[in-house]
Amino acid sequence: MILTLSCPDRPGIVAQVSTCLFDGGANILDAQQYDDQETGRFFMRVVFDPGRTGPEDWREALRPVAEDHAMTWTLRGRKERRRVMILASQTDHCLSDLIWRWRQGEMPMDLACVVSNHPAETFPHTDLQGVTFRHLPVTAETRPEQEAALWALVQETGTELVILARYMQVLSNDLSARLAGRCINIHHSFLPGFKGARPYHQAHARGVKVIGATAHYVTADLDEGPIIEQDVERISHRDAPADLIRKGRDIERRVLARAVRWHLEDRVLLNGRKTVVFTG
């Protein structure tokens, strides 16, 4: 099982958690912790073999410890798979990559459905065979109705994580709040330096030397949610806009994939406007 927790820092937290697990017959397989001295909060991720004790009994055993330390905590089975919904617009490189990784067994998730504001024919290079696809078109006038349908679909499918795989629509404050902590977005790291259309062309015109991508949780503040993962790649004067686009897509794919995997493996804990990420 995987236990994650955060709470105000004070002595004895590790000892109490470890003792509780030992008393219940668990064997700790991996443990990571972090004390944020700026915020005074403690973060921990523990992977353990539960022995013969079931999940509900473990929750009952851990609850007094959690209450004693005012913990925010989760407990999940290591083999539990979250239901995931992927949203995409016309650009499909991240969508295709996630579906491929899911089919290869790299992503511990169940794909609830793919949703787009464009029809399935928009993605001729993406293998959607066997994938539930929903077309939810949207305009400025129909945005409230489209988001209501999207939220209903999230509830209907039991979706636990929403991925914006280059979904070129801004979610409303209301929907962002409903999906807080369970909606991941990917964007190029030129923002906010190069806003609007054709950011790679803008970057090329300015002669940038590094391009990158950022994966973060969605909040009401556009592209300013807690960052999960970032990566960069150096470029040169020899790179044309098409080269920047190609390299940028590669970065976006791998950054989004890492962020999604870490979320699915309970490696990401929110820390205010930041995250604590316990990578392997």
C-alpha atoms as a PDB file:
ATOM      1  CA  MET A   1       0.000   0.000   0.000  1.00  0.00           C
ATOM      2  CA  ILE A   2       1.001   3.636  -0.432  1.00  0.00           C
ATOM      3  CA  LEU A   3       0.574   6.133   2.395  1.00  0.00           C
ATOM      4  CA  THR A   4       1.054   9.849   1.730  1.00  0.00           C
ATOM      5  CA  LEU A   5       0.712  12.545   4.335  1.00  0.00           C
ATOM      6  CA  SER A   6       1.397  16.170   5.122  1.00  0.00           C
ATOM      7  CA  CYS A   7       1.004  17.992   8.419  1.00  0.00           C
ATOM      8  CA  PRO A   8       2.533  20.662  10.639  1.00  0.00           C
ATOM      9  CA  ASP A   9       6.076  19.583  11.454  1.00  0.00           C
ATOM     10  CA  ARG A  10       6.958  18.422  14.955  1.00  0.00           C
ATOM     11  CA  PRO A  11       9.140  15.706  16.489  1.00  0.00           C
ATOM     12  CA  GLY A  12       7.928  12.120  16.525  1.00  0.00           C
ATOM     13  CA  ILE A  13       5.913  11.909  13.306  1.00  0.00           C
ATOM     14  CA  VAL A  14       8.124   9.310  11.634  1.00  0.00           C
ATOM     15  CA  ALA A  15       8.349   7.299  14.843  1.00  0.00           C
ATOM     16  CA  GLN A  16       4.582   7.234  15.322  1.00  0.00           C
ATOM     17  CA  VAL A  17       3.842   6.282  11.716  1.00  0.00           C
ATOM     18  CA  SER A  18       6.523   3.581  11.692  1.00  0.00           C
ATOM     19  CA  THR A  19       5.371   2.173  15.011  1.00  0.00           C
ATOM     20  CA  CYS A  20       1.766   2.033  13.841  1.00  0.00           C
ATOM     21  CA  LEU A  21       2.782   0.140  10.701  1.00  0.00           C
ATOM     22  CA  PHE A  22       5.020  -2.221  12.671  1.00  0.00           C
ATOM     23  CA  ASP A  23       2.308  -2.945  15.244  1.00  0.00           C
ATOM     24  CA  GLY A  24      -0.089  -3.826  12.422  1.00  0.00           C
ATOM     25  CA  GLY A  25       2.327  -6.306  10.879  1.00  0.00           C
ATOM     26  CA  ALA A  26       3.408  -4.178   7.910  1.00  0.00           C
ATOM     27  CA  ASN A  27       6.799  -4.277   6.228  1.00  0.00           C
ATOM     28  CA  ILE A  28       8.026  -0.877   4.998  1.00  0.00           C
ATOM     29  CA  LEU A  29       9.412  -1.186   1.466  1.00  0.00           C
ATOM     30  CA  ASP A  30      10.218   2.447   0.749  1.00  0.00           C
ATOM     31  CA  ALA A  31       9.966   5.687   2.706  1.00  0.00           C
ATOM     32  CA  GLN A  32      10.653   9.280   1.708  1.00  0.00           C
ATOM     33  CA  GLN A  33      10.147  12.423   3.754  1.00  0.00           C
ATOM     34  CA  TYR A  34      10.682  16.163   3.551  1.00  0.00           C
ATOM     35  CA  ASP A  35      10.565  18.919   6.160  1.00  0.00           C
ATOM     36  CA  ASP A  36       9.779  22.285   4.547  1.00  0.00           C
ATOM     37  CA  GLN A  37      11.385  24.729   6.942  1.00  0.00           C
ATOM     38  CA  GLU A  38       9.861  27.710   5.143  1.00  0.00           C
ATOM     39  CA  THR A  39       6.264  26.574   5.646  1.00  0.00           C
ATOM     40  CA  GLY A  40       6.806  24.433   8.733  1.00  0.00           C
ATOM     41  CA  ARG A  41       5.097  21.465   7.112  1.00  0.00           C
ATOM     42  CA  PHE A  42       6.189  17.846   6.966  1.00  0.00           C
ATOM     43  CA  PHE A  43       5.627  15.544   3.986  1.00  0.00           C
ATOM     44  CA  MET A  44       5.988  11.777   3.761  1.00  0.00           C
ATOM     45  CA  ARG A  45       5.389   8.908   1.327  1.00  0.00           C
ATOM     46  CA  VAL A  46       5.564   5.334   2.575  1.00  0.00           C
ATOM     47  CA  VAL A  47       5.212   2.161   0.516  1.00  0.00           C
ATOM     48  CA  PHE A  48       4.551  -0.913   2.627  1.00  0.00           C
ATOM     49  CA  ASP A  49       3.475  -4.524   2.459  1.00  0.00           C
ATOM     50  CA  PRO A  50       0.222  -4.597   4.479  1.00  0.00           C
ATOM     51  CA  GLY A  51       0.576  -8.241   5.490  1.00  0.00           C
ATOM     52  CA  ARG A  52      -2.779  -9.797   6.296  1.00  0.00           C
ATOM     53  CA  THR A  53      -4.396  -6.517   7.330  1.00  0.00           C
ATOM     54  CA  GLY A  54      -6.982  -5.128   4.915  1.00  0.00           C
ATOM     55  CA  PRO A  55      -7.247  -1.520   3.671  1.00  0.00           C
ATOM     56  CA  GLU A  56     -10.127  -0.502   5.936  1.00  0.00           C
ATOM     57  CA  ASP A  57      -8.402  -1.915   9.005  1.00  0.00           C
ATOM     58  CA  TRP A  58      -5.279   0.040   8.071  1.00  0.00           C
ATOM     59  CA  ARG A  59      -7.309   3.225   7.761  1.00  0.00           C
ATOM     60  CA  GLU A  60      -8.748   2.652  11.222  1.00  0.00           C
ATOM     61  CA  ALA A  61      -5.284   1.978  12.628  1.00  0.00           C
ATOM     62  CA  LEU A  62      -3.770   5.084  11.058  1.00  0.00           C
ATOM     63  CA  ARG A  63      -6.664   7.441  11.791  1.00  0.00           C
ATOM     64  CA  PRO A  64      -5.649   8.250  15.436  1.00  0.00           C
ATOM     65  CA  VAL A  65      -2.112   9.087  14.291  1.00  0.00           C
ATOM     66  CA  ALA A  66      -3.478  11.282  11.507  1.00  0.00           C
ATOM     67  CA  GLU A  67      -5.829  13.091  13.869  1.00  0.00           C
ATOM     68  CA  ASP A  68      -3.101  13.581  16.464  1.00  0.00           C
ATOM     69  CA  HIS A  69      -0.944  15.384  13.899  1.00  0.00           C
ATOM     70  CA  ALA A  70      -3.738  17.101  11.902  1.00  0.00           C
ATOM     71  CA  MET A  71      -2.633  15.228   8.804  1.00  0.00           C
ATOM     72  CA  THR A  72      -3.894  15.471   5.267  1.00  0.00           C
ATOM     73  CA  TRP A  73      -3.409  11.894   4.154  1.00  0.00           C
ATOM     74  CA  THR A  74      -4.272   9.234   1.591  1.00  0.00           C
ATOM     75  CA  LEU A  75      -3.948   5.459   1.605  1.00  0.00           C
ATOM     76  CA  ARG A  76      -4.168   3.422  -1.587  1.00  0.00           C
ATOM     77  CA  GLY A  77      -3.402  -0.067  -2.738  1.00  0.00           C
ATOM     78  CA  ARG A  78      -0.285  -0.274  -4.904  1.00  0.00           C
ATOM     79  CA  LYS A  79      -2.241  -2.002  -7.677  1.00  0.00           C
ATOM     80  CA  GLU A  80      -5.200   0.390  -7.641  1.00  0.00           C
ATOM     81  CA  ARG A  81      -5.606   2.170 -10.970  1.00  0.00           C
ATOM     82  CA  ARG A  82      -7.117   5.629 -11.280  1.00  0.00           C
ATOM     83  CA  ARG A  83      -9.654   6.458 -13.961  1.00  0.00           C
ATOM     84  CA  VAL A  84      -8.288   9.136 -16.266  1.00  0.00           C
ATOM     85  CA  MET A  85      -9.870  11.469 -18.823  1.00  0.00           C
ATOM     86  CA  ILE A  86      -7.731  13.122 -21.500  1.00  0.00           C
ATOM     87  CA  LEU A  87      -8.782  16.399 -23.108  1.00  0.00           C
ATOM     88  CA  ALA A  88      -7.203  17.538 -26.382  1.00  0.00           C
ATOM     89  CA  SER A  89      -7.799  20.018 -29.172  1.00  0.00           C
ATOM     90  CA  GLN A  90      -6.266  19.896 -32.640  1.00  0.00           C
ATOM     91  CA  THR A  91      -2.678  19.195 -31.586  1.00  0.00           C
ATOM     92  CA  ASP A  92      -2.368  15.500 -30.749  1.00  0.00           C
ATOM     93  CA  HIS A  93       1.281  14.714 -29.963  1.00  0.00           C
ATOM     94  CA  CYS A  94       0.680  14.549 -26.200  1.00  0.00           C
ATOM     95  CA  LEU A  95      -2.598  12.671 -26.647  1.00  0.00           C
ATOM     96  CA  SER A  96      -0.966  10.075 -28.910  1.00  0.00           C
ATOM     97  CA  ASP A  97       1.952   9.656 -26.520  1.00  0.00           C
ATOM     98  CA  LEU A  98      -0.254   9.096 -23.468  1.00  0.00           C
ATOM     99  CA  ILE A  99      -2.433   6.570 -25.291  1.00  0.00           C
ATOM    100  CA  TRP A 100       0.656   4.705 -26.520  1.00  0.00           C
ATOM    101  CA  ARG A 101       2.162   4.612 -23.013  1.00  0.00           C
ATOM    102  CA  TRP A 102      -1.185   3.453 -21.586  1.00  0.00           C
ATOM    103  CA  ARG A 103      -1.382   0.637 -24.113  1.00  0.00           C
ATOM    104  CA  GLN A 104       2.212  -0.390 -23.336  1.00  0.00           C
ATOM    105  CA  GLY A 105       1.375  -0.618 -19.635  1.00  0.00           C
ATOM    106  CA  GLU A 106       3.621   2.304 -18.699  1.00  0.00           C
ATOM    107  CA  MET A 107       0.764   4.281 -17.163  1.00  0.00           C
ATOM    108  CA  PRO A 108      -1.027   2.670 -14.187  1.00  0.00           C
ATOM    109  CA  MET A 109      -4.433   4.017 -15.161  1.00  0.00           C
ATOM    110  CA  ASP A 110      -7.752   3.143 -16.744  1.00  0.00           C
ATOM    111  CA  LEU A 111      -8.608   5.440 -19.643  1.00  0.00           C
ATOM    112  CA  ALA A 112     -12.180   6.553 -19.015  1.00  0.00           C
ATOM    113  CA  CYS A 113     -12.448   8.517 -22.256  1.00  0.00           C
ATOM    114  CA  VAL A 114     -10.905  11.103 -24.553  1.00  0.00           C
ATOM    115  CA  VAL A 115     -12.738  14.405 -24.941  1.00  0.00           C
ATOM    116  CA  SER A 116     -12.158  17.052 -27.576  1.00  0.00           C
ATOM    117  CA  ASN A 117     -13.763  20.239 -28.798  1.00  0.00           C
ATOM    118  CA  HIS A 118     -13.020  18.869 -32.293  1.00  0.00           C
ATOM    119  CA  PRO A 119     -14.337  15.670 -33.943  1.00  0.00           C
ATOM    120  CA  ALA A 120     -12.354  12.437 -33.946  1.00  0.00           C
ATOM    121  CA  GLU A 121     -11.370  12.984 -37.584  1.00  0.00           C
ATOM    122  CA  THR A 122      -9.125  15.781 -36.323  1.00  0.00           C
ATOM    123  CA  PHE A 123      -6.678  13.144 -35.038  1.00  0.00           C
ATOM    124  CA  PRO A 124      -5.755  10.983 -38.052  1.00  0.00           C
ATOM    125  CA  HIS A 125      -2.398  10.054 -36.527  1.00  0.00           C
ATOM    126  CA  THR A 126      -3.796   8.983 -33.151  1.00  0.00           C
ATOM    127  CA  ASP A 127      -4.988   5.405 -32.635  1.00  0.00           C
ATOM    128  CA  LEU A 128      -8.369   5.818 -30.963  1.00  0.00           C
ATOM    129  CA  GLN A 129      -9.475   2.236 -31.589  1.00  0.00           C
ATOM    130  CA  GLY A 130     -11.162   0.869 -28.482  1.00  0.00           C
ATOM    131  CA  VAL A 131     -11.074   4.294 -26.786  1.00  0.00           C
ATOM    132  CA  THR A 132     -14.291   6.035 -25.789  1.00  0.00           C
ATOM    133  CA  PHE A 133     -14.288   9.397 -27.581  1.00  0.00           C
ATOM    134  CA  ARG A 134     -16.619  12.300 -26.854  1.00  0.00           C
ATOM    135  CA  HIS A 135     -16.912  15.383 -29.051  1.00  0.00           C
ATOM    136  CA  LEU A 136     -17.943  18.427 -27.004  1.00  0.00           C
ATOM    137  CA  PRO A 137     -17.733  21.485 -29.284  1.00  0.00           C
ATOM    138  CA  VAL A 138     -17.484  24.868 -27.610  1.00  0.00           C
ATOM    139  CA  THR A 139     -17.818  28.534 -28.476  1.00  0.00           C
ATOM    140  CA  ALA A 140     -17.646  31.603 -26.283  1.00  0.00           C
ATOM    141  CA  GLU A 141     -21.443  31.578 -26.126  1.00  0.00           C
ATOM    142  CA  THR A 142     -21.794  27.861 -25.310  1.00  0.00           C
ATOM    143  CA  ARG A 143     -18.915  27.521 -22.823  1.00  0.00           C
ATOM    144  CA  PRO A 144     -21.144  27.178 -19.707  1.00  0.00           C
ATOM    145  CA  GLU A 145     -23.200  24.411 -21.333  1.00  0.00           C
ATOM    146  CA  GLN A 146     -20.098  22.636 -22.646  1.00  0.00           C
ATOM    147  CA  GLU A 147     -18.404  22.712 -19.254  1.00  0.00           C
ATOM    148  CA  ALA A 148     -21.579  21.442 -17.588  1.00  0.00           C
ATOM    149  CA  ALA A 149     -21.550  18.506 -20.012  1.00  0.00           C
ATOM    150  CA  LEU A 150     -17.854  17.959 -19.352  1.00  0.00           C
ATOM    151  CA  TRP A 151     -18.351  17.932 -15.577  1.00  0.00           C
ATOM    152  CA  ALA A 152     -21.285  15.536 -15.930  1.00  0.00           C
ATOM    153  CA  LEU A 153     -19.033  13.241 -17.965  1.00  0.00           C
ATOM    154  CA  VAL A 154     -16.353  13.381 -15.263  1.00  0.00           C
ATOM    155  CA  GLN A 155     -18.915  12.249 -12.709  1.00  0.00           C
ATOM    156  CA  GLU A 156     -20.532   9.687 -14.996  1.00  0.00           C
ATOM    157  CA  THR A 157     -17.232   7.981 -15.800  1.00  0.00           C
ATOM    158  CA  GLY A 158     -15.837   8.154 -12.267  1.00  0.00           C
ATOM    159  CA  THR A 159     -12.858  10.133 -13.538  1.00  0.00           C
ATOM    160  CA  GLU A 160     -10.227  10.777 -10.868  1.00  0.00           C
ATOM    161  CA  LEU A 161      -7.661  12.646 -12.985  1.00  0.00           C
ATOM    162  CA  VAL A 162      -8.187  14.994 -15.930  1.00  0.00           C
ATOM    163  CA  ILE A 163      -5.260  15.640 -18.284  1.00  0.00           C
ATOM    164  CA  LEU A 164      -5.204  18.671 -20.544  1.00  0.00           C
ATOM    165  CA  ALA A 165      -3.054  17.268 -23.356  1.00  0.00           C
ATOM    166  CA  ARG A 166      -2.799  20.530 -25.292  1.00  0.00           C
ATOM    167  CA  TYR A 167      -6.476  21.286 -24.764  1.00  0.00           C
ATOM    168  CA  MET A 168      -6.608  24.820 -26.082  1.00  0.00           C
ATOM    169  CA  GLN A 169      -9.507  26.023 -23.970  1.00  0.00           C
ATOM    170  CA  VAL A 170      -9.317  27.922 -20.690  1.00  0.00           C
ATOM    171  CA  LEU A 171     -11.322  26.223 -17.947  1.00  0.00           C
ATOM    172  CA  SER A 172     -13.638  28.447 -15.945  1.00  0.00           C
ATOM    173  CA  ASN A 173     -12.870  29.282 -12.328  1.00  0.00           C
ATOM    174  CA  ASP A 174     -15.742  27.061 -11.234  1.00  0.00           C
ATOM    175  CA  LEU A 175     -14.555  23.976 -13.122  1.00  0.00           C
ATOM    176  CA  SER A 176     -10.932  24.610 -12.119  1.00  0.00           C
ATOM    177  CA  ALA A 177     -12.015  24.660  -8.474  1.00  0.00           C
ATOM    178  CA  ARG A 178     -13.973  21.414  -8.854  1.00  0.00           C
ATOM    179  CA  LEU A 179     -10.904  19.723 -10.369  1.00  0.00           C
ATOM    180  CA  ALA A 180      -8.413  21.175  -7.886  1.00  0.00           C
ATOM    181  CA  GLY A 181      -5.486  18.824  -7.355  1.00  0.00           C
ATOM    182  CA  ARG A 182      -6.650  16.385 -10.016  1.00  0.00           C
ATOM    183  CA  CYS A 183      -6.234  18.221 -13.310  1.00  0.00           C
ATOM    184  CA  ILE A 184      -2.820  18.435 -14.998  1.00  0.00           C
ATOM    185  CA  ASN A 185      -1.936  20.800 -17.831  1.00  0.00           C
ATOM    186  CA  ILE A 186       1.092  20.997 -20.131  1.00  0.00           C
ATOM    187  CA  HIS A 187       2.386  24.137 -21.797  1.00  0.00           C
ATOM    188  CA  HIS A 188       5.558  25.441 -23.349  1.00  0.00           C
ATOM    189  CA  SER A 189       7.766  27.330 -20.924  1.00  0.00           C
ATOM    190  CA  PHE A 190       7.829  30.491 -23.002  1.00  0.00           C
ATOM    191  CA  LEU A 191       4.799  31.687 -21.065  1.00  0.00           C
ATOM    192  CA  PRO A 192       4.345  34.381 -20.034  1.00  0.00           C
ATOM    193  CA  GLY A 193       7.186  35.774 -22.157  1.00  0.00           C
ATOM    194  CA  PHE A 194       5.612  34.749 -25.465  1.00  0.00           C
ATOM    195  CA  LYS A 195       1.848  34.839 -25.175  1.00  0.00           C
ATOM    196  CA  GLY A 196      -0.747  34.219 -27.830  1.00  0.00           C
ATOM    197  CA  ALA A 197      -0.393  32.454 -31.164  1.00  0.00           C
ATOM    198  CA  ARG A 198       2.788  30.985 -32.664  1.00  0.00           C
ATOM    199  CA  PRO A 199       4.963  31.126 -29.512  1.00  0.00           C
ATOM    200  CA  TYR A 200       7.787  29.180 -31.149  1.00  0.00           C
ATOM    201  CA  HIS A 201       7.909  31.688 -33.992  1.00  0.00           C
ATOM    202  CA  GLN A 202       8.029  34.498 -31.417  1.00  0.00           C
ATOM    203  CA  ALA A 203      10.849  32.732 -29.606  1.00  0.00           C
ATOM    204  CA  HIS A 204      12.765  32.231 -32.842  1.00  0.00           C
ATOM    205  CA  ALA A 205      12.405  35.893 -33.699  1.00  0.00           C
ATOM    206  CA  ARG A 206      13.923  36.794 -30.319  1.00  0.00           C
ATOM    207  CA  GLY A 207      16.793  34.338 -30.694  1.00  0.00           C
ATOM    208  CA  VAL A 208      16.133  32.293 -27.564  1.00  0.00           C
ATOM    209  CA  LYS A 209      18.767  29.715 -26.599  1.00  0.00           C
ATOM    210  CA  VAL A 210      16.647  27.407 -24.423  1.00  0.00           C
ATOM    211  CA  ILE A 211      13.144  26.038 -24.915  1.00  0.00           C
ATOM    212  CA  GLY A 212      11.163  23.949 -22.476  1.00  0.00           C
ATOM    213  CA  ALA A 213       7.846  22.724 -21.129  1.00  0.00           C
ATOM    214  CA  THR A 214       6.009  22.799 -17.811  1.00  0.00           C
ATOM    215  CA  ALA A 215       3.415  20.418 -16.371  1.00  0.00           C
ATOM    216  CA  HIS A 216       1.333  21.817 -13.535  1.00  0.00           C
ATOM    217  CA  TYR A 217      -1.952  21.468 -11.703  1.00  0.00           C
ATOM    218  CA  VAL A 218      -4.749  23.632 -13.072  1.00  0.00           C
ATOM    219  CA  THR A 219      -5.988  26.560 -10.993  1.00  0.00           C
ATOM    220  CA  ALA A 220      -8.106  29.612 -11.705  1.00  0.00           C
ATOM    221  CA  ASP A 221      -4.882  31.542 -12.391  1.00  0.00           C
ATOM    222  CA  LEU A 222      -4.000  30.663 -15.987  1.00  0.00           C
ATOM    223  CA  ASP A 223      -0.768  28.630 -16.234  1.00  0.00           C
ATOM    224  CA  GLU A 224       0.194  29.534 -12.661  1.00  0.00           C
ATOM    225  CA  GLY A 225      -0.830  26.352 -10.817  1.00  0.00           C
ATOM    226  CA  PRO A 226       1.587  24.290  -8.696  1.00  0.00           C
ATOM    227  CA  ILE A 227       4.375  22.979 -10.924  1.00  0.00           C
ATOM    228  CA  ILE A 228       4.948  19.226 -11.054  1.00  0.00           C
ATOM    229  CA  GLU A 229       7.696  18.852 -13.663  1.00  0.00           C
ATOM    230  CA  GLN A 230       9.742  20.905 -16.124  1.00  0.00           C
ATOM    231  CA  ASP A 231      12.440  20.238 -18.687  1.00  0.00           C
ATOM    232  CA  VAL A 232      14.491  22.259 -21.164  1.00  0.00           C
ATOM    233  CA  GLU A 233      16.627  21.789 -24.234  1.00  0.00           C
ATOM    234  CA  ARG A 234      19.248  24.064 -25.719  1.00  0.00           C
ATOM    235  CA  ILE A 235      18.837  25.308 -29.266  1.00  0.00           C
ATOM    236  CA  SER A 236      20.981  27.415 -31.585  1.00  0.00           C
ATOM    237  CA  HIS A 237      20.808  29.984 -34.345  1.00  0.00           C
ATOM    238  CA  ARG A 238      20.700  27.094 -36.814  1.00  0.00           C
ATOM    239  CA  ASP A 239      17.244  26.010 -35.575  1.00  0.00           C
ATOM    240  CA  ALA A 240      14.329  27.240 -37.670  1.00  0.00           C
ATOM    241  CA  PRO A 241      10.816  27.664 -36.195  1.00  0.00           C
ATOM    242  CA  ALA A 242       9.941  24.172 -37.448  1.00  0.00           C
ATOM    243  CA  ASP A 243      12.898  22.770 -35.462  1.00  0.00           C
ATOM    244  CA  LEU A 244      11.730  24.561 -32.321  1.00  0.00           C
ATOM    245  CA  ILE A 245       8.223  23.161 -32.771  1.00  0.00           C
ATOM    246  CA  ARG A 246       9.554  19.616 -33.258  1.00  0.00           C
ATOM    247  CA  LYS A 247      11.881  19.792 -30.258  1.00  0.00           C
ATOM    248  CA  GLY A 248       9.212  21.506 -28.191  1.00  0.00           C
ATOM    249  CA  ARG A 249       6.757  18.693 -28.860  1.00  0.00           C
ATOM    250  CA  ASP A 250       9.316  16.137 -27.696  1.00  0.00           C
ATOM    251  CA  ILE A 251       9.828  18.026 -24.434  1.00  0.00           C
ATOM    252  CA  GLU A 252       6.098  18.438 -23.872  1.00  0.00           C
ATOM    253  CA  ARG A 253       5.496  14.717 -24.350  1.00  0.00           C
ATOM    254  CA  ARG A 254       8.078  13.564 -21.842  1.00  0.00           C
ATOM    255  CA  VAL A 255       7.339  16.264 -19.251  1.00  0.00           C
ATOM    256  CA  LEU A 256       3.604  15.522 -19.293  1.00  0.00           C
ATOM    257  CA  ALA A 257       4.207  11.762 -19.148  1.00  0.00           C
ATOM    258  CA  ARG A 258       6.441  12.091 -16.101  1.00  0.00           C
ATOM    259  CA  ALA A 259       4.001  14.389 -14.307  1.00  0.00           C
ATOM    260  CA  VAL A 260       1.062  12.072 -14.959  1.00  0.00           C
ATOM    261  CA  ARG A 261       2.977   8.974 -13.856  1.00  0.00           C
ATOM    262  CA  TRP A 262       4.145  10.636 -10.641  1.00  0.00           C
ATOM    263  CA  HIS A 263       0.585  11.708  -9.856  1.00  0.00           C
ATOM    264  CA  LEU A 264      -0.726   8.197 -10.502  1.00  0.00           C
ATOM    265  CA  GLU A 265       1.980   6.759  -8.233  1.00  0.00           C
ATOM    266  CA  ASP A 266       1.093   9.178  -5.383  1.00  0.00           C
ATOM    267  CA  ARG A 267       4.463  10.898  -5.605  1.00  0.00           C
ATOM    268  CA  VAL A 268       3.115  14.465  -5.771  1.00  0.00           C
ATOM    269  CA  LEU A 269       1.962  16.293  -2.636  1.00  0.00           C
ATOM    270  CA  LEU A 270       0.600  19.829  -2.730  1.00  0.00           C
ATOM    271  CA  ASN A 271       2.479  22.407  -0.674  1.00  0.00           C
ATOM    272  CA  GLY A 272       0.526  25.625  -1.063  1.00  0.00           C
ATOM    273  CA  ARG A 273       1.395  27.082  -4.459  1.00  0.00           C
ATOM    274  CA  LYS A 274       4.190  24.503  -4.853  1.00  0.00           C
ATOM    275  CA  THR A 275       4.516  20.729  -4.848  1.00  0.00           C
ATOM    276  CA  VAL A 276       6.686  18.176  -3.143  1.00  0.00           C
ATOM    277  CA  VAL A 277       7.567  15.435  -5.630  1.00  0.00           C
ATOM    278  CA  PHE A 278       9.041  12.176  -4.272  1.00  0.00           C
ATOM    279  CA  THR A 279      10.613  10.805  -7.439  1.00  0.00           C
ATOM    280  CA  GLY A 280      11.989   7.271  -7.502  1.00  0.00           C
END
